[in-house]
Amino acid sequence: MNEKLAVDLGIITQNHPYKKNDGTVIFKRDLLTIWQQNTGKKTTEYKEITTALALKKIDSWN
């Protein structure tokens, strides 16, 4: 997900511990679900990926 958007929407905090690169941040879907339940808001501005793909992306960032 776009890191700035995730922060602006309040899904994650600005000083989050999640892996990021070039404006993209990877975090568990659970965070998005909790945000949706707590705020009643929804967003389609994210792409779900498998754990395997997330790990490959993070590896490529290092």
Protein backbone atom coordinates (compact mmCIF):
# COMPACT_ATOMS: atom_id res chain seq x y z
CA MET A 1 0.00 0.00 0.00
CA ASN A 2 1.13 3.56 -0.49
CA GLU A 3 2.81 4.50 2.78
CA LYS A 4 1.65 8.13 2.83
CA LEU A 5 -1.96 7.11 2.19
CA ALA A 6 -1.85 4.46 4.93
CA VAL A 7 -0.52 7.05 7.38
CA ASP A 8 -2.98 9.76 6.24
CA LEU A 9 -5.92 7.35 6.65
CA GLY A 10 -4.70 6.35 10.12
CA ILE A 11 -4.14 2.69 9.24
CA ILE A 12 -0.54 2.93 10.45
CA THR A 13 1.37 5.59 12.35
CA GLN A 14 4.07 7.75 10.81
CA ASN A 15 6.80 6.02 12.82
CA HIS A 16 5.54 2.50 12.04
CA PRO A 17 7.77 -0.60 12.26
CA TYR A 18 6.67 -2.10 8.92
CA LYS A 19 8.92 -2.78 5.94
CA LYS A 20 8.87 -0.01 3.33
CA ASN A 21 10.58 1.01 0.11
CA ASP A 22 9.99 3.80 -2.42
CA GLY A 23 6.69 4.89 -0.88
CA THR A 24 5.29 1.36 -0.55
CA VAL A 25 4.72 -0.31 2.81
CA ILE A 26 3.91 -3.95 3.54
CA PHE A 27 1.82 -4.89 6.56
CA LYS A 28 -0.58 -7.66 7.53
CA ARG A 29 -4.16 -7.52 6.30
CA ASP A 30 -5.24 -7.66 9.96
CA LEU A 31 -4.27 -3.99 10.40
CA LEU A 32 -6.55 -2.98 7.56
CA THR A 33 -9.41 -5.08 8.94
CA ILE A 34 -9.06 -3.53 12.41
CA TRP A 35 -8.94 -0.03 10.89
CA GLN A 36 -12.11 -0.75 8.88
CA GLN A 37 -13.93 -2.10 11.94
CA ASN A 38 -12.86 0.81 14.16
CA THR A 39 -13.59 3.61 11.68
CA GLY A 40 -16.35 2.18 9.50
CA LYS A 41 -14.31 3.35 6.52
CA LYS A 42 -13.12 1.32 3.56
CA THR A 43 -10.40 1.75 0.97
CA THR A 44 -9.54 -0.04 -2.23
CA GLU A 45 -6.14 1.64 -2.47
CA TYR A 46 -4.15 -1.47 -1.62
CA LYS A 47 -3.07 -4.70 -3.23
CA GLU A 48 -3.25 -7.99 -1.35
CA ILE A 49 -0.27 -10.24 -1.89
CA THR A 50 0.69 -13.66 -0.57
CA THR A 51 3.14 -14.07 2.27
CA ALA A 52 5.62 -15.65 -0.13
CA LEU A 53 5.45 -12.65 -2.48
CA ALA A 54 5.73 -10.20 0.44
CA LEU A 55 8.87 -11.97 1.63
CA LYS A 56 10.35 -11.88 -1.88
CA LYS A 57 9.63 -8.15 -2.17
CA ILE A 58 11.16 -7.43 1.23
CA ASP A 59 14.22 -9.49 0.29
CA SER A 60 14.63 -7.49 -2.90
CA TRP A 61 14.54 -4.25 -0.89
CA ASN A 62 17.52 -5.30 1.24
